[in-house]
Amino acid sequence: MISRARWLSQQAKEPEPYYEHKKIGYNYRMSNLVAAVGRGQVEVIPDRVKRKREIFDYYEQELGNCPGISFMPEADYGKCNRWLSVILVDNDEF
């Protein structure tokens, strides 16, 4: 299974001297440049998540008492990064 997953993740190219694909594969390889950018981003993740949570809190404070508007609650088992602020609007109440 591991060998097949690697093969699919590297475009599923057949072992021929030319490009031949009998299956649909993917290109999940990461370049050194993308890896370097990712490492740099890891250092600022806590700040980004903090800011996203502040934005969500602002939305909830300003809109939370409006009839027909509700926000996705945070699960008890973790801490949401709030990358997306999900709002449900009930048209009948709103």
PDB file of N, CA and C in Angstrom:
ATOM      1  N   MET A   1       0.821  -1.195   0.000  1.00  0.00           N
ATOM      2  CA  MET A   1       0.000   0.000   0.000  1.00  0.00           C
ATOM      3  C   MET A   1       0.863   1.256   0.000  1.00  0.00           C
ATOM      4  N   ILE A   2       1.954   1.220   0.764  1.00  0.00           N
ATOM      5  CA  ILE A   2       2.839   2.384   0.810  1.00  0.00           C
ATOM      6  C   ILE A   2       3.460   2.642  -0.550  1.00  0.00           C
ATOM      7  N   SER A   3       3.906   1.586  -1.194  1.00  0.00           N
ATOM      8  CA  SER A   3       4.510   1.729  -2.516  1.00  0.00           C
ATOM      9  C   SER A   3       3.505   2.303  -3.518  1.00  0.00           C
ATOM     10  N   ARG A   4       2.276   1.823  -3.480  1.00  0.00           N
ATOM     11  CA  ARG A   4       1.245   2.332  -4.391  1.00  0.00           C
ATOM     12  C   ARG A   4       0.926   3.790  -4.093  1.00  0.00           C
ATOM     13  N   ALA A   5       0.845   4.155  -2.822  1.00  0.00           N
ATOM     14  CA  ALA A   5       0.576   5.547  -2.448  1.00  0.00           C
ATOM     15  C   ALA A   5       1.688   6.455  -2.959  1.00  0.00           C
ATOM     16  N   ARG A   6       2.928   6.021  -2.824  1.00  0.00           N
ATOM     17  CA  ARG A   6       4.050   6.833  -3.333  1.00  0.00           C
ATOM     18  C   ARG A   6       3.963   6.980  -4.852  1.00  0.00           C
ATOM     19  N   TRP A   7       3.645   5.879  -5.527  1.00  0.00           N
ATOM     20  CA  TRP A   7       3.537   5.902  -6.986  1.00  0.00           C
ATOM     21  C   TRP A   7       2.440   6.871  -7.428  1.00  0.00           C
ATOM     22  N   LEU A   8       1.274   6.807  -6.779  1.00  0.00           N
ATOM     23  CA  LEU A   8       0.180   7.717  -7.123  1.00  0.00           C
ATOM     24  C   LEU A   8       0.534   9.163  -6.797  1.00  0.00           C
ATOM     25  N   SER A   9       1.260   9.362  -5.703  1.00  0.00           N
ATOM     26  CA  SER A   9       1.585  10.731  -5.282  1.00  0.00           C
ATOM     27  C   SER A   9       2.652  11.374  -6.159  1.00  0.00           C
ATOM     28  N   GLN A  10       3.302  10.573  -6.979  1.00  0.00           N
ATOM     29  CA  GLN A  10       4.341  11.103  -7.862  1.00  0.00           C
ATOM     30  C   GLN A  10       3.942  10.947  -9.326  1.00  0.00           C
ATOM     31  N   GLN A  11       2.710  11.257  -9.602  1.00  0.00           N
ATOM     32  CA  GLN A  11       2.124  11.341 -10.943  1.00  0.00           C
ATOM     33  C   GLN A  11       1.767  10.004 -11.570  1.00  0.00           C
ATOM     34  N   ALA A  12       1.978   8.877 -10.889  1.00  0.00           N
ATOM     35  CA  ALA A  12       1.622   7.548 -11.396  1.00  0.00           C
ATOM     36  C   ALA A  12       2.238   7.273 -12.769  1.00  0.00           C
ATOM     37  N   LYS A  13       3.464   7.700 -12.949  1.00  0.00           N
ATOM     38  CA  LYS A  13       4.154   7.505 -14.221  1.00  0.00           C
ATOM     39  C   LYS A  13       4.586   6.042 -14.346  1.00  0.00           C
ATOM     40  N   GLU A  14       4.354   5.482 -15.535  1.00  0.00           N
ATOM     41  CA  GLU A  14       4.784   4.111 -15.804  1.00  0.00           C
ATOM     42  C   GLU A  14       6.308   4.068 -15.933  1.00  0.00           C
ATOM     43  N   PRO A  15       6.929   2.936 -15.631  1.00  0.00           N
ATOM     44  CA  PRO A  15       8.403   2.849 -15.706  1.00  0.00           C
ATOM     45  C   PRO A  15       8.886   2.729 -17.160  1.00  0.00           C
ATOM     46  N   GLU A  16       8.654   3.746 -17.933  1.00  0.00           N
ATOM     47  CA  GLU A  16       9.050   3.808 -19.344  1.00  0.00           C
ATOM     48  C   GLU A  16      10.007   4.983 -19.511  1.00  0.00           C
ATOM     49  N   PRO A  17      10.824   4.988 -20.560  1.00  0.00           N
ATOM     50  CA  PRO A  17      11.740   6.115 -20.771  1.00  0.00           C
ATOM     51  C   PRO A  17      11.033   7.381 -21.244  1.00  0.00           C
ATOM     52  N   TYR A  18       9.730   7.319 -21.464  1.00  0.00           N
ATOM     53  CA  TYR A  18       8.935   8.467 -21.866  1.00  0.00           C
ATOM     54  C   TYR A  18       7.766   8.583 -20.886  1.00  0.00           C
ATOM     55  N   TYR A  19       7.041   9.658 -20.957  1.00  0.00           N
ATOM     56  CA  TYR A  19       5.918   9.864 -20.037  1.00  0.00           C
ATOM     57  C   TYR A  19       4.700   9.075 -20.500  1.00  0.00           C
ATOM     58  N   GLU A  20       4.352   8.065 -19.744  1.00  0.00           N
ATOM     59  CA  GLU A  20       3.143   7.305 -20.017  1.00  0.00           C
ATOM     60  C   GLU A  20       2.407   7.100 -18.697  1.00  0.00           C
ATOM     61  N   HIS A  21       1.137   7.406 -18.729  1.00  0.00           N
ATOM     62  CA  HIS A  21       0.315   7.280 -17.522  1.00  0.00           C
ATOM     63  C   HIS A  21      -0.911   6.440 -17.855  1.00  0.00           C
ATOM     64  N   LYS A  22      -1.038   5.316 -17.170  1.00  0.00           N
ATOM     65  CA  LYS A  22      -2.222   4.476 -17.354  1.00  0.00           C
ATOM     66  C   LYS A  22      -3.240   4.731 -16.266  1.00  0.00           C
ATOM     67  N   LYS A  23      -2.830   5.364 -15.207  1.00  0.00           N
ATOM     68  CA  LYS A  23      -3.695   5.737 -14.091  1.00  0.00           C
ATOM     69  C   LYS A  23      -3.550   7.233 -13.844  1.00  0.00           C
ATOM     70  N   ILE A  24      -4.561   7.816 -13.236  1.00  0.00           N
ATOM     71  CA  ILE A  24      -4.475   9.227 -12.867  1.00  0.00           C
ATOM     72  C   ILE A  24      -3.678   9.327 -11.573  1.00  0.00           C
ATOM     73  N   GLY A  25      -2.622  10.108 -11.621  1.00  0.00           N
ATOM     74  CA  GLY A  25      -1.792  10.318 -10.444  1.00  0.00           C
ATOM     75  C   GLY A  25      -1.850  11.768 -10.008  1.00  0.00           C
ATOM     76  N   TYR A  26      -1.030  12.101  -9.040  1.00  0.00           N
ATOM     77  CA  TYR A  26      -1.019  13.443  -8.465  1.00  0.00           C
ATOM     78  C   TYR A  26       0.423  13.890  -8.318  1.00  0.00           C
ATOM     79  N   ASN A  27       0.628  15.161  -8.097  1.00  0.00           N
ATOM     80  CA  ASN A  27       1.968  15.672  -7.855  1.00  0.00           C
ATOM     81  C   ASN A  27       1.992  16.271  -6.458  1.00  0.00           C
ATOM     82  N   TYR A  28       2.244  15.443  -5.463  1.00  0.00           N
ATOM     83  CA  TYR A  28       2.255  15.890  -4.077  1.00  0.00           C
ATOM     84  C   TYR A  28       3.668  16.162  -3.570  1.00  0.00           C
ATOM     85  N   ARG A  29       4.625  16.165  -4.462  1.00  0.00           N
ATOM     86  CA  ARG A  29       5.992  16.434  -4.031  1.00  0.00           C
ATOM     87  C   ARG A  29       6.133  17.908  -3.687  1.00  0.00           C
ATOM     88  N   MET A  30       7.048  18.188  -2.784  1.00  0.00           N
ATOM     89  CA  MET A  30       7.245  19.568  -2.329  1.00  0.00           C
ATOM     90  C   MET A  30       8.652  20.017  -2.722  1.00  0.00           C
ATOM     91  N   SER A  31       8.736  21.168  -3.344  1.00  0.00           N
ATOM     92  CA  SER A  31      10.053  21.697  -3.713  1.00  0.00           C
ATOM     93  C   SER A  31      10.755  22.246  -2.474  1.00  0.00           C
ATOM     94  N   ASN A  32      12.054  22.429  -2.582  1.00  0.00           N
ATOM     95  CA  ASN A  32      12.822  22.990  -1.466  1.00  0.00           C
ATOM     96  C   ASN A  32      12.352  24.401  -1.120  1.00  0.00           C
ATOM     97  N   LEU A  33      11.994  25.169  -2.138  1.00  0.00           N
ATOM     98  CA  LEU A  33      11.529  26.531  -1.910  1.00  0.00           C
ATOM     99  C   LEU A  33      10.210  26.539  -1.134  1.00  0.00           C
ATOM    100  N   VAL A  34       9.275  25.685  -1.534  1.00  0.00           N
ATOM    101  CA  VAL A  34       7.991  25.607  -0.834  1.00  0.00           C
ATOM    102  C   VAL A  34       8.194  25.120   0.599  1.00  0.00           C
ATOM    103  N   ALA A  35       9.110  24.172   0.790  1.00  0.00           N
ATOM    104  CA  ALA A  35       9.412  23.684   2.138  1.00  0.00           C
ATOM    105  C   ALA A  35       9.995  24.802   3.010  1.00  0.00           C
ATOM    106  N   ALA A  36      10.857  25.625   2.438  1.00  0.00           N
ATOM    107  CA  ALA A  36      11.449  26.734   3.189  1.00  0.00           C
ATOM    108  C   ALA A  36      10.390  27.761   3.590  1.00  0.00           C
ATOM    109  N   VAL A  37       9.489  28.075   2.668  1.00  0.00           N
ATOM    110  CA  VAL A  37       8.404  29.010   2.982  1.00  0.00           C
ATOM    111  C   VAL A  37       7.531  28.425   4.083  1.00  0.00           C
ATOM    112  N   GLY A  38       7.217  27.132   3.976  1.00  0.00           N
ATOM    113  CA  GLY A  38       6.413  26.473   5.000  1.00  0.00           C
ATOM    114  C   GLY A  38       7.053  26.510   6.369  1.00  0.00           C
ATOM    115  N   ARG A  39       8.351  26.287   6.420  1.00  0.00           N
ATOM    116  CA  ARG A  39       9.058  26.357   7.716  1.00  0.00           C
ATOM    117  C   ARG A  39       8.975  27.749   8.309  1.00  0.00           C
ATOM    118  N   GLY A  40       9.081  28.755   7.458  1.00  0.00           N
ATOM    119  CA  GLY A  40       8.970  30.126   7.955  1.00  0.00           C
ATOM    120  C   GLY A  40       7.570  30.432   8.466  1.00  0.00           C
ATOM    121  N   GLN A  41       6.563  29.890   7.805  1.00  0.00           N
ATOM    122  CA  GLN A  41       5.179  30.133   8.214  1.00  0.00           C
ATOM    123  C   GLN A  41       4.854  29.467   9.541  1.00  0.00           C
ATOM    124  N   VAL A  42       5.490  28.341   9.832  1.00  0.00           N
ATOM    125  CA  VAL A  42       5.233  27.631  11.088  1.00  0.00           C
ATOM    126  C   VAL A  42       5.512  28.545  12.283  1.00  0.00           C
ATOM    127  N   GLU A  43       6.502  29.398  12.147  1.00  0.00           N
ATOM    128  CA  GLU A  43       6.875  30.282  13.258  1.00  0.00           C
ATOM    129  C   GLU A  43       5.799  31.320  13.580  1.00  0.00           C
ATOM    130  N   VAL A  44       4.993  31.699  12.583  1.00  0.00           N
ATOM    131  CA  VAL A  44       3.992  32.749  12.807  1.00  0.00           C
ATOM    132  C   VAL A  44       2.567  32.208  12.950  1.00  0.00           C
ATOM    133  N   ILE A  45       2.409  30.887  12.912  1.00  0.00           N
ATOM    134  CA  ILE A  45       1.068  30.301  13.034  1.00  0.00           C
ATOM    135  C   ILE A  45       0.348  30.766  14.298  1.00  0.00           C
ATOM    136  N   PRO A  46       0.986  30.732  15.472  1.00  0.00           N
ATOM    137  CA  PRO A  46       0.262  31.172  16.675  1.00  0.00           C
ATOM    138  C   PRO A  46      -0.277  32.603  16.559  1.00  0.00           C
ATOM    139  N   ASP A  47       0.483  33.503  15.968  1.00  0.00           N
ATOM    140  CA  ASP A  47       0.031  34.892  15.796  1.00  0.00           C
ATOM    141  C   ASP A  47      -1.146  34.975  14.822  1.00  0.00           C
ATOM    142  N   ARG A  48      -1.069  34.207  13.741  1.00  0.00           N
ATOM    143  CA  ARG A  48      -2.144  34.224  12.749  1.00  0.00           C
ATOM    144  C   ARG A  48      -3.438  33.666  13.337  1.00  0.00           C
ATOM    145  N   VAL A  49      -3.328  32.564  14.074  1.00  0.00           N
ATOM    146  CA  VAL A  49      -4.512  31.963  14.688  1.00  0.00           C
ATOM    147  C   VAL A  49      -5.098  32.914  15.723  1.00  0.00           C
ATOM    148  N   LYS A  50      -4.247  33.559  16.502  1.00  0.00           N
ATOM    149  CA  LYS A  50      -4.716  34.525  17.512  1.00  0.00           C
ATOM    150  C   LYS A  50      -5.525  35.631  16.845  1.00  0.00           C
ATOM    151  N   ARG A  51      -5.015  36.145  15.726  1.00  0.00           N
ATOM    152  CA  ARG A  51      -5.717  37.229  15.024  1.00  0.00           C
ATOM    153  C   ARG A  51      -7.038  36.747  14.432  1.00  0.00           C
ATOM    154  N   LYS A  52      -7.061  35.554  13.858  1.00  0.00           N
ATOM    155  CA  LYS A  52      -8.305  35.002  13.309  1.00  0.00           C
ATOM    156  C   LYS A  52      -9.350  34.809  14.403  1.00  0.00           C
ATOM    157  N   ARG A  53      -8.919  34.374  15.574  1.00  0.00           N
ATOM    158  CA  ARG A  53      -9.848  34.197  16.688  1.00  0.00           C
ATOM    159  C   ARG A  53     -10.384  35.550  17.165  1.00  0.00           C
ATOM    160  N   GLU A  54      -9.536  36.583  17.153  1.00  0.00           N
ATOM    161  CA  GLU A  54      -9.987  37.927  17.514  1.00  0.00           C
ATOM    162  C   GLU A  54     -11.053  38.427  16.537  1.00  0.00           C
ATOM    163  N   ILE A  55     -10.836  38.169  15.254  1.00  0.00           N
ATOM    164  CA  ILE A  55     -11.808  38.585  14.239  1.00  0.00           C
ATOM    165  C   ILE A  55     -13.130  37.869  14.455  1.00  0.00           C
ATOM    166  N   PHE A  56     -13.080  36.555  14.705  1.00  0.00           N
ATOM    167  CA  PHE A  56     -14.300  35.799  14.966  1.00  0.00           C
ATOM    168  C   PHE A  56     -15.024  36.351  16.190  1.00  0.00           C
ATOM    169  N   ASP A  57     -14.277  36.617  17.255  1.00  0.00           N
ATOM    170  CA  ASP A  57     -14.889  37.158  18.477  1.00  0.00           C
ATOM    171  C   ASP A  57     -15.584  38.489  18.203  1.00  0.00           C
ATOM    172  N   TYR A  58     -14.983  39.314  17.365  1.00  0.00           N
ATOM    173  CA  TYR A  58     -15.597  40.600  16.998  1.00  0.00           C
ATOM    174  C   TYR A  58     -16.915  40.376  16.262  1.00  0.00           C
ATOM    175  N   TYR A  59     -16.892  39.480  15.269  1.00  0.00           N
ATOM    176  CA  TYR A  59     -18.132  39.170  14.542  1.00  0.00           C
ATOM    177  C   TYR A  59     -19.214  38.672  15.493  1.00  0.00           C
ATOM    178  N   GLU A  60     -18.829  37.766  16.380  1.00  0.00           N
ATOM    179  CA  GLU A  60     -19.805  37.190  17.304  1.00  0.00           C
ATOM    180  C   GLU A  60     -20.356  38.245  18.259  1.00  0.00           C
ATOM    181  N   GLN A  61     -19.501  39.161  18.703  1.00  0.00           N
ATOM    182  CA  GLN A  61     -19.920  40.234  19.605  1.00  0.00           C
ATOM    183  C   GLN A  61     -20.878  41.191  18.895  1.00  0.00           C
ATOM    184  N   GLU A  62     -20.583  41.539  17.670  1.00  0.00           N
ATOM    185  CA  GLU A  62     -21.377  42.517  16.940  1.00  0.00           C
ATOM    186  C   GLU A  62     -22.658  41.934  16.324  1.00  0.00           C
ATOM    187  N   LEU A  63     -22.621  40.657  15.945  1.00  0.00           N
ATOM    188  CA  LEU A  63     -23.757  40.064  15.237  1.00  0.00           C
ATOM    189  C   LEU A  63     -24.482  38.978  16.033  1.00  0.00           C
ATOM    190  N   GLY A  64     -23.897  38.552  17.134  1.00  0.00           N
ATOM    191  CA  GLY A  64     -24.428  37.425  17.882  1.00  0.00           C
ATOM    192  C   GLY A  64     -25.830  37.605  18.425  1.00  0.00           C
ATOM    193  N   ASN A  65     -26.263  38.848  18.659  1.00  0.00           N
ATOM    194  CA  ASN A  65     -27.610  39.098  19.186  1.00  0.00           C
ATOM    195  C   ASN A  65     -28.647  39.381  18.096  1.00  0.00           C
ATOM    196  N   CYS A  66     -28.219  39.348  16.845  1.00  0.00           N
ATOM    197  CA  CYS A  66     -29.158  39.580  15.742  1.00  0.00           C
ATOM    198  C   CYS A  66     -30.027  38.342  15.546  1.00  0.00           C
ATOM    199  N   PRO A  67     -31.341  38.540  15.432  1.00  0.00           N
ATOM    200  CA  PRO A  67     -32.235  37.398  15.211  1.00  0.00           C
ATOM    201  C   PRO A  67     -31.891  36.687  13.902  1.00  0.00           C
ATOM    202  N   GLY A  68     -31.845  35.368  13.947  1.00  0.00           N
ATOM    203  CA  GLY A  68     -31.607  34.580  12.740  1.00  0.00           C
ATOM    204  C   GLY A  68     -30.151  34.355  12.397  1.00  0.00           C
ATOM    205  N   ILE A  69     -29.243  34.854  13.220  1.00  0.00           N
ATOM    206  CA  ILE A  69     -27.818  34.653  12.952  1.00  0.00           C
ATOM    207  C   ILE A  69     -27.238  33.800  14.076  1.00  0.00           C
ATOM    208  N   SER A  70     -26.552  32.730  13.673  1.00  0.00           N
ATOM    209  CA  SER A  70     -25.861  31.896  14.662  1.00  0.00           C
ATOM    210  C   SER A  70     -24.479  31.544  14.130  1.00  0.00           C
ATOM    211  N   PHE A  71     -23.591  31.253  15.024  1.00  0.00           N
ATOM    212  CA  PHE A  71     -22.205  30.950  14.686  1.00  0.00           C
ATOM    213  C   PHE A  71     -21.886  29.496  15.006  1.00  0.00           C
ATOM    214  N   MET A  72     -20.972  28.933  14.255  1.00  0.00           N
ATOM    215  CA  MET A  72     -20.559  27.561  14.516  1.00  0.00           C
ATOM    216  C   MET A  72     -19.837  27.524  15.863  1.00  0.00           C
ATOM    217  N   PRO A  73     -20.301  26.675  16.778  1.00  0.00           N
ATOM    218  CA  PRO A  73     -19.668  26.619  18.094  1.00  0.00           C
ATOM    219  C   PRO A  73     -18.318  25.905  18.030  1.00  0.00           C
ATOM    220  N   GLU A  74     -17.498  26.193  19.006  1.00  0.00           N
ATOM    221  CA  GLU A  74     -16.204  25.526  19.096  1.00  0.00           C
ATOM    222  C   GLU A  74     -16.388  24.174  19.777  1.00  0.00           C
ATOM    223  N   ALA A  75     -15.780  23.141  19.224  1.00  0.00           N
ATOM    224  CA  ALA A  75     -15.900  21.794  19.781  1.00  0.00           C
ATOM    225  C   ALA A  75     -15.206  21.720  21.140  1.00  0.00           C
ATOM    226  N   ASP A  76     -15.741  20.863  22.012  1.00  0.00           N
ATOM    227  CA  ASP A  76     -15.172  20.694  23.349  1.00  0.00           C
ATOM    228  C   ASP A  76     -13.800  20.031  23.319  1.00  0.00           C
ATOM    229  N   TYR A  77     -13.517  19.280  22.264  1.00  0.00           N
ATOM    230  CA  TYR A  77     -12.302  18.467  22.224  1.00  0.00           C
ATOM    231  C   TYR A  77     -11.091  19.173  21.596  1.00  0.00           C
ATOM    232  N   GLY A  78     -11.209  20.436  21.255  1.00  0.00           N
ATOM    233  CA  GLY A  78     -10.080  21.111  20.636  1.00  0.00           C
ATOM    234  C   GLY A  78     -10.240  22.615  20.632  1.00  0.00           C
ATOM    235  N   LYS A  79      -9.318  23.266  19.945  1.00  0.00           N
ATOM    236  CA  LYS A  79      -9.349  24.716  19.822  1.00  0.00           C
ATOM    237  C   LYS A  79      -9.360  25.049  18.330  1.00  0.00           C
ATOM    238  N   CYS A  80     -10.439  25.629  17.877  1.00  0.00           N
ATOM    239  CA  CYS A  80     -10.600  25.959  16.464  1.00  0.00           C
ATOM    240  C   CYS A  80      -9.640  27.080  16.068  1.00  0.00           C
ATOM    241  N   ASN A  81      -9.053  26.972  14.879  1.00  0.00           N
ATOM    242  CA  ASN A  81      -8.167  28.050  14.421  1.00  0.00           C
ATOM    243  C   ASN A  81      -8.946  29.215  13.831  1.00  0.00           C
ATOM    244  N   ARG A  82     -10.265  29.024  13.635  1.00  0.00           N
ATOM    245  CA  ARG A  82     -11.159  30.074  13.113  1.00  0.00           C
ATOM    246  C   ARG A  82     -10.672  30.626  11.779  1.00  0.00           C
ATOM    247  N   TRP A  83     -10.058  29.765  10.967  1.00  0.00           N
ATOM    248  CA  TRP A  83      -9.588  30.228   9.665  1.00  0.00           C
ATOM    249  C   TRP A  83     -10.751  30.696   8.807  1.00  0.00           C
ATOM    250  N   LEU A  84     -11.921  30.061   8.993  1.00  0.00           N
ATOM    251  CA  LEU A  84     -13.152  30.505   8.361  1.00  0.00           C
ATOM    252  C   LEU A  84     -14.149  30.834   9.460  1.00  0.00           C
ATOM    253  N   SER A  85     -14.793  31.962   9.358  1.00  0.00           N
ATOM    254  CA  SER A  85     -15.847  32.315  10.305  1.00  0.00           C
ATOM    255  C   SER A  85     -17.167  31.880   9.689  1.00  0.00           C
ATOM    256  N   VAL A  86     -17.744  30.817  10.238  1.00  0.00           N
ATOM    257  CA  VAL A  86     -18.964  30.248   9.686  1.00  0.00           C
ATOM    258  C   VAL A  86     -20.170  30.844  10.404  1.00  0.00           C
ATOM    259  N   ILE A  87     -21.068  31.441   9.616  1.00  0.00           N
ATOM    260  CA  ILE A  87     -22.271  32.060  10.138  1.00  0.00           C
ATOM    261  C   ILE A  87     -23.467  31.415   9.437  1.00  0.00           C
ATOM    262  N   LEU A  88     -24.442  31.003  10.220  1.00  0.00           N
ATOM    263  CA  LEU A  88     -25.676  30.461   9.662  1.00  0.00           C
ATOM    264  C   LEU A  88     -26.753  31.527   9.756  1.00  0.00           C
ATOM    265  N   VAL A  89     -27.401  31.809   8.635  1.00  0.00           N
ATOM    266  CA  VAL A  89     -28.460  32.816   8.596  1.00  0.00           C
ATOM    267  C   VAL A  89     -29.784  32.100   8.333  1.00  0.00           C
ATOM    268  N   ASP A  90     -30.696  32.232   9.263  1.00  0.00           N
ATOM    269  CA  ASP A  90     -32.050  31.707   9.107  1.00  0.00           C
ATOM    270  C   ASP A  90     -32.876  32.808   8.470  1.00  0.00           C
ATOM    271  N   ASN A  91     -33.226  32.636   7.202  1.00  0.00           N
ATOM    272  CA  ASN A  91     -33.925  33.687   6.459  1.00  0.00           C
ATOM    273  C   ASN A  91     -35.250  34.089   7.088  1.00  0.00           C
ATOM    274  N   ASP A  92     -35.964  33.134   7.663  1.00  0.00           N
ATOM    275  CA  ASP A  92     -37.256  33.443   8.275  1.00  0.00           C
ATOM    276  C   ASP A  92     -37.113  34.358   9.488  1.00  0.00           C
ATOM    277  N   GLU A  93     -36.106  34.106  10.288  1.00  0.00           N
ATOM    278  CA  GLU A  93     -35.899  34.936  11.490  1.00  0.00           C
ATOM    279  C   GLU A  93     -35.174  36.236  11.174  1.00  0.00           C
ATOM    280  N   PHE A  94     -34.283  36.199  10.206  1.00  0.00           N
ATOM    281  CA  PHE A  94     -33.466  37.353   9.886  1.00  0.00           C
ATOM    282  C   PHE A  94     -34.297  38.416   9.193  1.00  0.00           C
TER     283      PHE A  94
END
